[in-house]
Amino acid sequence: MNDQTSDLLEKIRQQFETSPYPRVPLDKSPKSDPNLLYIHNLVTPYYLRNQKVIDTKGKVILDAGCGSGYKSLILAEANPGAKIVGIDLSEESVKLSRQRLQHHGFENAEFYTLLIEDLPTLGIEFDYINNDEVLYLLPDAVLGLQAMKAVLKPEGIIRTNLHSSLQRSIFFRAQEVFKMMGFMDENPQEMEIGFVRETMGAMKDQVLLKLQTWNPNSEIEDERILANHLLLGDKGSTIPQMFSALRAADLEFISMVQWRRWDLMDLFNNPDDLPAFLALALPETSVEEQLHLFELLHPVHRLIDLWCGHINQAKPFVSISEWTTCHWQEAQVSLHPQLRTPKLREDLVACISELRMFEISQHLPIHEGFVNIDSSSAVCLLPLLDESQSMMSLVKRWKQVRPVHPVTLEPTDEGEAFEIVKQLLTRLESLGYVLLECCA
């Protein structure tokens, strides 16, 4: 490590030593934020990679760059029975992380003041590594990825991200401005934050930098200025640069963390009626090329946020769209763990009892708009709150609820019941609410 790199790391360490990030109150719990828990649950990326459900009990999870420990707390809440290990270059951040998890009753957690590059010195292998809002600050992202890969179990998964150079260009401009003014020569503190406020306040409202980077929250939140206008070591990347880093570290892309929000087809009015050259070209493009095209057309994502892992470790499986009747008959059905809550059970029972629609998206709002299920289909979810069920047991349950056809009053046909439950589960699986395992 050269002197320039060492100096930058020391400045970054000092910045987070004096202002640990994020500034979340010690007693704040993530239990009321199902989306955060969904993303941080190992079940989610493991299922995307393997179409299998994993038990988080006994798993060892690393929060690489734990900051003040709020993400470590989310990981602990989202992965029952897992051991949480956190590292950070800031001793003050590590201290806060330790206090936070103890405050919330998580004893199976330990924290170390350590650079990501020195991870192998811990002598621990991990099932899951959360590396959130860190990689773009490292002097060499590839070295960081390689260090995490070195402590990742063969089937383990890494969640990591880089800042988007396209979406975040306005803040990189702001940082250049304040570097020119000398506000980032050392660790920015109250004086530098005050200078930023004075500078932005002195500009006319129509000046583009102010228009794009300044808002009422910036006037009152020091953290917002430190994390944007004065963030030391901040760098931007594109999708091709991110994939290049993965290849250099010998890691395999699994999925974007917010994969539904990176769907290229969502950018077109009618995906089924594209211009001829697009309709012919897009199916032949790689995942990397499609994601890069998305960021060029619609750079709305601040983070290039993804899951990756060791190469060739995905378990082979038959895509659900290609399942035969035999696959379905042998299928095992699970509800995503973040839906197994007392509140969902209460609402589900009420909707079934009152014969009204059940709004499942209210309990896990991972999609825009509403996702509703009619009461007769919702009965299939009830046993899933306790444990996974076979597909055929759910078909049997549906037949018990609807023993006769409501129009013809003829006994419900088993084939019809099978198709109705199959359509329900196919829909819920595609939306991320239900997990299907093929046992055939």
Protein backbone atom coordinates (compact mmCIF):
# COMPACT_ATOMS: atom_id res chain seq x y z
CA MET A 1 0.00 0.00 0.00
CA ASN A 2 1.59 3.32 -1.05
CA ASP A 3 1.69 6.48 1.07
CA GLN A 4 -1.09 8.19 -0.91
CA THR A 5 -3.44 5.23 -0.41
CA SER A 6 -2.56 5.02 3.29
CA ASP A 7 -3.26 8.74 3.72
CA LEU A 8 -6.67 8.40 2.04
CA LEU A 9 -7.62 5.38 4.17
CA GLU A 10 -6.63 7.28 7.29
CA LYS A 11 -8.80 10.24 6.26
CA ILE A 12 -11.74 7.89 5.59
CA ARG A 13 -11.19 6.22 8.97
CA GLN A 14 -11.17 9.59 10.71
CA GLN A 15 -14.35 10.67 8.90
CA PHE A 16 -16.26 7.63 10.18
CA GLU A 17 -14.54 7.79 13.57
CA THR A 18 -15.98 11.27 14.16
CA SER A 19 -19.25 10.61 12.29
CA PRO A 20 -20.19 6.89 12.41
CA TYR A 21 -22.62 5.96 9.65
CA PRO A 22 -25.55 5.56 9.59
CA ARG A 23 -26.77 7.81 12.39
CA VAL A 24 -29.62 5.58 13.50
CA PRO A 25 -30.82 5.77 17.13
CA LEU A 26 -29.66 2.83 19.25
CA ASP A 27 -33.20 1.70 20.09
CA LYS A 28 -34.54 1.80 16.51
CA SER A 29 -35.61 -1.66 15.31
CA PRO A 30 -35.90 -2.79 11.66
CA LYS A 31 -38.78 -5.16 12.49
CA SER A 32 -41.29 -2.77 10.94
CA ASP A 33 -39.41 -2.63 7.61
CA PRO A 34 -40.11 -5.93 5.79
CA ASN A 35 -38.38 -4.77 2.61
CA LEU A 36 -35.07 -4.31 4.41
CA LEU A 37 -35.43 -7.70 6.08
CA TYR A 38 -36.32 -9.32 2.74
CA ILE A 39 -33.15 -8.02 1.07
CA HIS A 40 -30.91 -8.98 4.01
CA ASN A 41 -32.36 -12.47 4.43
CA LEU A 42 -29.98 -15.13 3.08
CA VAL A 43 -33.06 -17.08 1.94
CA THR A 44 -33.72 -14.49 -0.82
CA PRO A 45 -30.45 -14.68 -2.83
CA TYR A 46 -29.95 -18.39 -2.07
CA TYR A 47 -33.35 -19.16 -3.62
CA LEU A 48 -32.63 -16.94 -6.64
CA ARG A 49 -29.40 -18.84 -7.23
CA ASN A 50 -30.47 -22.41 -6.45
CA GLN A 51 -34.31 -22.53 -6.34
CA LYS A 52 -33.88 -24.08 -2.88
CA VAL A 53 -34.86 -22.85 0.57
CA ILE A 54 -32.06 -22.57 3.13
CA ASP A 55 -32.31 -22.57 6.93
CA THR A 56 -30.43 -19.61 8.43
CA LYS A 57 -29.95 -21.30 11.80
CA GLY A 58 -26.25 -21.90 12.47
CA LYS A 59 -25.11 -19.86 9.47
CA VAL A 60 -22.20 -17.41 9.90
CA ILE A 61 -22.80 -13.97 8.41
CA LEU A 62 -20.27 -11.17 7.97
CA ASP A 63 -21.11 -7.48 7.85
CA ALA A 64 -18.00 -6.22 6.06
CA GLY A 65 -17.93 -2.51 6.82
CA CYS A 66 -20.54 -2.60 9.57
CA GLY A 67 -20.48 1.12 10.38
CA SER A 68 -22.64 1.93 13.37
CA GLY A 69 -24.18 -1.57 13.26
CA TYR A 70 -27.70 -0.93 11.96
CA LYS A 71 -27.20 -3.26 8.98
CA SER A 72 -25.73 -5.84 11.38
CA LEU A 73 -28.94 -5.59 13.39
CA ILE A 74 -31.03 -6.04 10.23
CA LEU A 75 -28.97 -9.14 9.35
CA ALA A 76 -29.54 -10.56 12.84
CA GLU A 77 -33.30 -9.92 12.69
CA ALA A 78 -33.63 -11.27 9.13
CA ASN A 79 -31.62 -14.46 9.72
CA PRO A 80 -32.82 -16.17 12.93
CA GLY A 81 -30.21 -18.36 14.56
CA ALA A 82 -27.28 -17.01 12.55
CA LYS A 83 -24.02 -15.78 14.04
CA ILE A 84 -23.20 -12.18 13.09
CA VAL A 85 -19.61 -10.98 12.69
CA GLY A 86 -18.92 -7.34 11.89
CA ILE A 87 -15.74 -5.53 10.90
CA ASP A 88 -15.00 -1.86 10.29
CA LEU A 89 -11.92 0.34 9.99
CA SER A 90 -13.42 2.73 12.59
CA GLU A 91 -13.02 1.71 16.23
CA GLU A 92 -15.87 4.01 17.27
CA SER A 93 -18.19 2.37 14.72
CA VAL A 94 -17.28 -1.10 16.01
CA LYS A 95 -18.03 0.04 19.55
CA LEU A 96 -21.47 1.34 18.51
CA SER A 97 -22.22 -1.88 16.59
CA ARG A 98 -21.43 -4.00 19.62
CA GLN A 99 -23.65 -1.83 21.83
CA ARG A 100 -26.51 -1.91 19.30
CA LEU A 101 -26.76 -5.68 19.03
CA GLN A 102 -26.42 -6.13 22.79
CA HIS A 103 -29.19 -3.57 23.29
CA HIS A 104 -31.51 -5.59 21.04
CA GLY A 105 -30.67 -8.88 22.75
CA PHE A 106 -28.41 -10.50 20.15
CA GLU A 107 -25.59 -12.22 22.01
CA ASN A 108 -24.29 -14.35 19.12
CA ALA A 109 -22.42 -11.45 17.54
CA GLU A 110 -18.86 -10.21 17.56
CA PHE A 111 -17.15 -7.16 16.08
CA TYR A 112 -13.57 -6.32 15.12
CA THR A 113 -11.67 -3.21 14.05
CA LEU A 114 -10.22 -4.51 10.81
CA LEU A 115 -9.66 -3.57 7.17
CA ILE A 116 -11.52 -5.68 4.59
CA GLU A 117 -8.19 -6.57 2.98
CA ASP A 118 -7.16 -8.21 6.29
CA LEU A 119 -10.26 -10.44 6.56
CA PRO A 120 -8.32 -13.72 6.16
CA THR A 121 -6.56 -13.00 9.49
CA LEU A 122 -9.86 -13.69 11.29
CA GLY A 123 -9.67 -17.38 10.42
CA ILE A 124 -13.48 -17.57 9.87
CA GLU A 125 -15.41 -18.74 6.80
CA PHE A 126 -18.79 -17.19 6.05
CA ASP A 127 -22.06 -18.36 4.51
CA TYR A 128 -23.06 -14.81 3.62
CA ILE A 129 -21.19 -11.52 3.41
CA ASN A 130 -22.98 -8.19 3.44
CA ASN A 131 -20.71 -5.49 1.99
CA ASP A 132 -23.04 -2.54 1.70
CA GLU A 133 -21.99 1.05 0.89
CA VAL A 134 -18.28 0.20 1.26
CA LEU A 135 -16.71 -1.10 -1.95
CA TYR A 136 -16.78 2.30 -3.69
CA LEU A 137 -14.63 3.74 -0.87
CA LEU A 138 -11.86 1.14 -1.16
CA PRO A 139 -8.68 2.17 -3.01
CA ASP A 140 -8.92 -1.08 -5.02
CA ALA A 141 -12.34 -2.73 -5.33
CA VAL A 142 -10.86 -5.92 -6.78
CA LEU A 143 -8.61 -6.43 -3.75
CA GLY A 144 -11.66 -5.99 -1.52
CA LEU A 145 -13.63 -8.56 -3.51
CA GLN A 146 -10.73 -11.00 -3.43
CA ALA A 147 -10.39 -10.64 0.35
CA MET A 148 -14.10 -11.42 0.81
CA LYS A 149 -13.93 -14.32 -1.61
CA ALA A 150 -11.02 -15.77 0.41
CA VAL A 151 -13.25 -16.13 3.49
CA LEU A 152 -16.44 -17.17 1.66
CA LYS A 153 -17.63 -20.78 1.91
CA PRO A 154 -17.98 -22.62 -1.44
CA GLU A 155 -21.76 -22.09 -1.61
CA GLY A 156 -21.60 -18.70 0.11
CA ILE A 157 -23.01 -15.47 -1.29
CA ILE A 158 -21.69 -11.89 -1.23
CA ARG A 159 -23.91 -8.81 -1.42
CA THR A 160 -21.86 -5.80 -2.53
CA ASN A 161 -22.31 -2.56 -4.43
CA LEU A 162 -20.60 0.36 -6.14
CA HIS A 163 -21.83 3.89 -6.70
CA SER A 164 -23.22 4.52 -10.17
CA SER A 165 -21.08 7.03 -12.05
CA LEU A 166 -24.09 7.85 -14.27
CA GLN A 167 -26.73 8.42 -11.58
CA ARG A 168 -24.38 10.07 -9.09
CA SER A 169 -22.43 12.34 -11.42
CA ILE A 170 -23.94 15.46 -9.87
CA PHE A 171 -22.46 14.61 -6.46
CA PHE A 172 -19.06 13.81 -7.97
CA ARG A 173 -19.18 17.33 -9.44
CA ALA A 174 -20.04 18.71 -6.01
CA GLN A 175 -17.12 16.84 -4.44
CA GLU A 176 -14.76 18.28 -7.08
CA VAL A 177 -15.99 21.78 -6.21
CA PHE A 178 -15.33 21.32 -2.50
CA LYS A 179 -11.96 19.67 -3.14
CA MET A 180 -10.96 22.80 -5.10
CA MET A 181 -12.03 24.89 -2.10
CA GLY A 182 -9.91 22.76 0.24
CA PHE A 183 -12.86 21.45 2.26
CA MET A 184 -11.75 17.82 1.75
CA ASP A 185 -8.02 18.17 2.36
CA GLU A 186 -8.50 16.65 5.81
CA ASN A 187 -11.37 14.89 7.60
CA PRO A 188 -14.41 17.18 7.01
CA GLN A 189 -16.08 18.21 10.26
CA GLU A 190 -18.47 20.90 11.50
CA MET A 191 -16.49 23.78 10.03
CA GLU A 192 -16.36 22.24 6.54
CA ILE A 193 -20.04 21.26 6.73
CA GLY A 194 -20.82 24.88 7.61
CA PHE A 195 -18.76 26.11 4.64
CA VAL A 196 -20.74 23.81 2.31
CA ARG A 197 -24.03 25.21 3.64
CA GLU A 198 -22.80 28.78 3.20
CA THR A 199 -21.57 28.08 -0.34
CA MET A 200 -24.76 26.36 -1.47
CA GLY A 201 -26.92 28.97 0.23
CA ALA A 202 -25.08 31.77 -1.56
CA MET A 203 -25.88 30.34 -5.00
CA LYS A 204 -28.95 31.26 -6.99
CA ASP A 205 -31.63 28.55 -6.87
CA GLN A 206 -31.40 27.95 -10.62
CA VAL A 207 -27.68 27.10 -10.52
CA LEU A 208 -27.67 23.48 -11.68
CA LEU A 209 -25.45 22.08 -8.90
CA LYS A 210 -27.70 23.57 -6.24
CA LEU A 211 -30.85 22.56 -8.08
CA GLN A 212 -29.73 18.94 -8.38
CA THR A 213 -27.93 18.28 -5.07
CA TRP A 214 -29.50 20.58 -2.50
CA ASN A 215 -32.84 20.27 -0.70
CA PRO A 216 -34.37 21.23 2.67
CA ASN A 217 -32.94 18.08 4.30
CA SER A 218 -29.43 19.19 3.37
CA GLU A 219 -30.01 22.35 5.38
CA ILE A 220 -30.44 20.42 8.63
CA GLU A 221 -28.77 16.99 8.24
CA ASP A 222 -24.97 16.91 8.62
CA GLU A 223 -24.96 13.23 7.65
CA ARG A 224 -26.50 14.00 4.25
CA ILE A 225 -23.70 16.46 3.42
CA LEU A 226 -20.95 14.13 4.66
CA ALA A 227 -22.37 11.19 2.67
CA ASN A 228 -22.68 13.18 -0.55
CA HIS A 229 -20.89 16.52 -0.91
CA LEU A 230 -17.93 15.70 1.36
CA LEU A 231 -17.58 11.91 1.10
CA LEU A 232 -13.88 11.07 1.06
CA GLY A 233 -12.78 8.32 -1.32
CA ASP A 234 -16.09 8.26 -3.20
CA LYS A 235 -15.91 6.81 -6.72
CA GLY A 236 -18.37 5.91 -9.46
CA SER A 237 -18.60 2.89 -11.74
CA THR A 238 -20.67 1.51 -14.59
CA ILE A 239 -22.14 -1.97 -15.04
CA PRO A 240 -19.25 -3.06 -17.33
CA GLN A 241 -16.73 -1.86 -14.73
CA MET A 242 -18.56 -3.76 -12.00
CA PHE A 243 -18.57 -6.96 -14.07
CA SER A 244 -14.90 -6.44 -14.91
CA ALA A 245 -14.13 -6.28 -11.19
CA LEU A 246 -16.08 -9.52 -10.60
CA ARG A 247 -14.12 -11.28 -13.35
CA ALA A 248 -10.81 -10.00 -11.98
CA ALA A 249 -11.78 -11.36 -8.54
CA ASP A 250 -12.96 -14.66 -10.07
CA LEU A 251 -16.51 -14.19 -8.81
CA GLU A 252 -19.81 -15.02 -10.54
CA PHE A 253 -22.76 -12.65 -10.84
CA ILE A 254 -25.98 -14.01 -9.32
CA SER A 255 -28.54 -11.21 -9.47
CA MET A 256 -29.13 -7.54 -8.85
CA VAL A 257 -30.43 -7.03 -5.32
CA GLN A 258 -33.41 -5.01 -6.61
CA TRP A 259 -33.66 -7.20 -9.72
CA ARG A 260 -37.25 -6.28 -10.55
CA ARG A 261 -36.28 -2.61 -10.82
CA TRP A 262 -33.61 -3.43 -13.42
CA ASP A 263 -36.00 -5.03 -15.91
CA LEU A 264 -35.14 -3.59 -19.31
CA MET A 265 -38.57 -4.46 -20.72
CA ASP A 266 -40.21 -2.18 -18.16
CA LEU A 267 -38.73 0.80 -20.00
CA PHE A 268 -40.90 0.21 -23.09
CA ASN A 269 -44.57 1.04 -23.56
CA ASN A 270 -45.34 -2.33 -25.09
CA PRO A 271 -42.63 -4.98 -24.56
CA ASP A 272 -44.51 -7.36 -26.88
CA ASP A 273 -44.35 -4.89 -29.76
CA LEU A 274 -40.78 -3.59 -29.91
CA PRO A 275 -39.13 -2.14 -33.02
CA ALA A 276 -37.90 -5.05 -35.16
CA PHE A 277 -34.19 -4.46 -34.59
CA LEU A 278 -34.70 -4.41 -30.80
CA ALA A 279 -36.98 -7.44 -30.78
CA LEU A 280 -34.31 -9.40 -32.66
CA ALA A 281 -31.26 -8.08 -30.81
CA LEU A 282 -32.31 -8.02 -27.16
CA PRO A 283 -32.86 -11.78 -26.68
CA GLU A 284 -29.27 -12.35 -27.88
CA THR A 285 -27.69 -9.87 -25.45
CA SER A 286 -26.03 -11.00 -22.21
CA VAL A 287 -27.28 -10.11 -18.73
CA GLU A 288 -24.39 -7.65 -18.42
CA GLU A 289 -25.31 -5.94 -21.70
CA GLN A 290 -28.99 -5.68 -20.76
CA LEU A 291 -28.13 -4.15 -17.38
CA HIS A 292 -25.72 -1.71 -19.01
CA LEU A 293 -28.35 -0.71 -21.55
CA PHE A 294 -30.77 -0.12 -18.69
CA GLU A 295 -28.34 2.21 -16.87
CA LEU A 296 -27.64 4.11 -20.09
CA LEU A 297 -31.33 4.57 -20.87
CA HIS A 298 -32.57 5.14 -17.33
CA PRO A 299 -29.82 5.83 -14.74
CA VAL A 300 -32.06 6.04 -11.68
CA HIS A 301 -30.20 3.65 -9.36
CA ARG A 302 -27.63 5.23 -7.05
CA LEU A 303 -26.11 1.83 -6.36
CA ILE A 304 -24.99 -0.95 -8.68
CA ASP A 305 -26.15 -3.40 -6.02
CA LEU A 306 -25.72 -7.14 -6.61
CA TRP A 307 -25.23 -10.63 -5.26
CA CYS A 308 -22.27 -12.75 -6.36
CA GLY A 309 -20.40 -15.88 -5.32
CA HIS A 310 -17.82 -18.49 -6.26
CA ILE A 311 -17.95 -19.60 -9.90
CA ASN A 312 -19.98 -22.71 -10.83
CA GLN A 313 -21.51 -23.20 -7.38
CA ALA A 314 -25.18 -22.80 -8.36
CA LYS A 315 -27.19 -26.00 -7.94
CA PRO A 316 -28.78 -27.26 -11.19
CA PHE A 317 -32.56 -26.89 -11.31
CA VAL A 318 -35.44 -26.92 -13.76
CA SER A 319 -36.97 -23.48 -14.23
CA ILE A 320 -40.54 -23.32 -12.92
CA SER A 321 -41.73 -22.17 -16.34
CA GLU A 322 -40.57 -25.57 -17.65
CA TRP A 323 -42.06 -27.74 -14.89
CA THR A 324 -44.12 -30.71 -15.98
CA THR A 325 -47.16 -32.03 -14.11
CA CYS A 326 -44.82 -34.48 -12.39
CA HIS A 327 -42.66 -31.61 -11.07
CA TRP A 328 -45.72 -29.84 -9.70
CA GLN A 329 -47.09 -32.96 -8.06
CA GLU A 330 -43.83 -33.45 -6.18
CA ALA A 331 -43.27 -29.76 -5.38
CA GLN A 332 -42.71 -28.38 -1.88
CA VAL A 333 -44.13 -24.92 -1.14
CA SER A 334 -42.80 -22.39 1.40
CA LEU A 335 -43.87 -18.88 2.33
CA HIS A 336 -41.01 -16.40 2.34
CA PRO A 337 -39.84 -16.10 5.97
CA GLN A 338 -40.49 -12.34 6.05
CA LEU A 339 -44.21 -13.09 5.62
CA ARG A 340 -44.41 -15.36 8.64
CA THR A 341 -45.61 -12.70 11.07
CA PRO A 342 -48.43 -12.54 13.64
CA LYS A 343 -49.87 -9.51 11.84
CA LEU A 344 -50.13 -11.37 8.52
CA ARG A 345 -51.77 -14.34 10.23
CA GLU A 346 -54.32 -12.05 11.88
CA ASP A 347 -55.17 -10.26 8.62
CA LEU A 348 -55.24 -13.49 6.62
CA VAL A 349 -57.68 -15.15 9.01
CA ALA A 350 -59.91 -12.06 8.98
CA CYS A 351 -59.99 -11.91 5.16
CA ILE A 352 -60.80 -15.62 4.86
CA SER A 353 -63.50 -15.42 7.53
CA GLU A 354 -65.09 -12.35 5.96
CA LEU A 355 -64.75 -13.65 2.36
CA ARG A 356 -62.81 -10.59 1.16
CA MET A 357 -59.61 -10.05 -0.82
CA PHE A 358 -56.29 -10.48 0.97
CA GLU A 359 -53.72 -7.82 0.13
CA ILE A 360 -50.42 -9.67 0.53
CA SER A 361 -48.39 -6.70 -0.73
CA GLN A 362 -49.40 -4.77 2.38
CA HIS A 363 -47.21 -7.11 4.42
CA LEU A 364 -44.27 -7.19 2.01
CA PRO A 365 -44.44 -4.20 -0.38
CA ILE A 366 -41.69 -5.28 -2.78
CA HIS A 367 -43.73 -4.21 -5.81
CA GLU A 368 -45.39 -1.04 -6.98
CA GLY A 369 -49.16 -1.26 -6.65
CA PHE A 370 -51.29 -3.84 -4.89
CA VAL A 371 -51.13 -7.63 -4.98
CA ASN A 372 -54.44 -9.18 -3.93
CA ILE A 373 -55.57 -12.80 -3.47
CA ASP A 374 -59.20 -13.91 -3.30
CA SER A 375 -60.32 -15.49 -0.03
CA SER A 376 -60.76 -19.03 -1.42
CA SER A 377 -57.16 -19.03 -2.69
CA ALA A 378 -55.84 -17.33 0.43
CA VAL A 379 -56.75 -20.41 2.48
CA CYS A 380 -53.77 -22.13 0.84
CA LEU A 381 -51.43 -19.69 2.59
CA LEU A 382 -52.65 -20.45 6.10
CA PRO A 383 -50.75 -23.75 6.66
CA LEU A 384 -47.64 -22.20 5.09
CA LEU A 385 -47.39 -19.85 8.06
CA ASP A 386 -46.33 -22.81 10.21
CA GLU A 387 -44.21 -24.88 7.83
CA SER A 388 -43.69 -25.77 4.19
CA GLN A 389 -46.37 -27.90 2.51
CA SER A 390 -46.58 -30.22 -0.46
CA MET A 391 -48.35 -28.92 -3.54
CA MET A 392 -50.88 -31.75 -3.39
CA SER A 393 -51.78 -31.01 0.26
CA LEU A 394 -52.66 -27.45 -0.82
CA VAL A 395 -54.77 -28.80 -3.68
CA LYS A 396 -56.60 -31.01 -1.20
CA ARG A 397 -57.15 -28.03 1.10
CA TRP A 398 -58.55 -25.92 -1.74
CA LYS A 399 -60.98 -28.71 -2.65
CA GLN A 400 -62.17 -28.86 0.95
CA VAL A 401 -62.95 -25.14 0.86
CA ARG A 402 -64.58 -25.35 -2.57
CA PRO A 403 -66.12 -28.86 -2.66
CA VAL A 404 -68.56 -27.90 -5.42
CA HIS A 405 -68.40 -25.59 -8.41
CA PRO A 406 -70.26 -22.36 -7.44
CA VAL A 407 -72.14 -22.21 -10.75
CA THR A 408 -72.84 -25.83 -11.71
CA LEU A 409 -72.90 -27.18 -8.12
CA GLU A 410 -71.05 -30.22 -9.46
CA PRO A 411 -68.28 -31.70 -7.26
CA THR A 412 -64.98 -29.88 -7.75
CA ASP A 413 -62.81 -31.65 -10.25
CA GLU A 414 -59.30 -32.51 -8.96
CA GLY A 415 -57.70 -31.40 -12.22
CA GLU A 416 -59.43 -28.03 -12.00
CA ALA A 417 -58.35 -27.57 -8.37
CA PHE A 418 -54.78 -28.50 -9.33
CA GLU A 419 -54.67 -25.88 -12.10
CA ILE A 420 -56.12 -23.15 -9.87
CA VAL A 421 -53.54 -23.76 -7.11
CA LYS A 422 -50.77 -24.06 -9.70
CA GLN A 423 -51.68 -20.67 -11.20
CA LEU A 424 -51.82 -19.09 -7.74
CA LEU A 425 -48.39 -20.42 -6.74
CA THR A 426 -46.82 -19.54 -10.09
CA ARG A 427 -47.98 -15.96 -9.67
CA LEU A 428 -46.87 -15.66 -6.04
CA GLU A 429 -43.49 -17.25 -6.78
CA SER A 430 -42.82 -14.82 -9.63
CA LEU A 431 -43.58 -11.96 -7.22
CA GLY A 432 -41.24 -13.33 -4.54
CA TYR A 433 -43.84 -14.19 -1.90
CA VAL A 434 -43.73 -17.98 -2.27
CA LEU A 435 -40.74 -20.31 -2.73
CA LEU A 436 -41.12 -23.51 -4.76
CA GLU A 437 -38.75 -26.48 -4.60
CA CYS A 438 -38.81 -29.28 -7.12
CA CYS A 439 -38.50 -32.67 -5.45
CA ALA A 440 -39.04 -34.75 -8.60
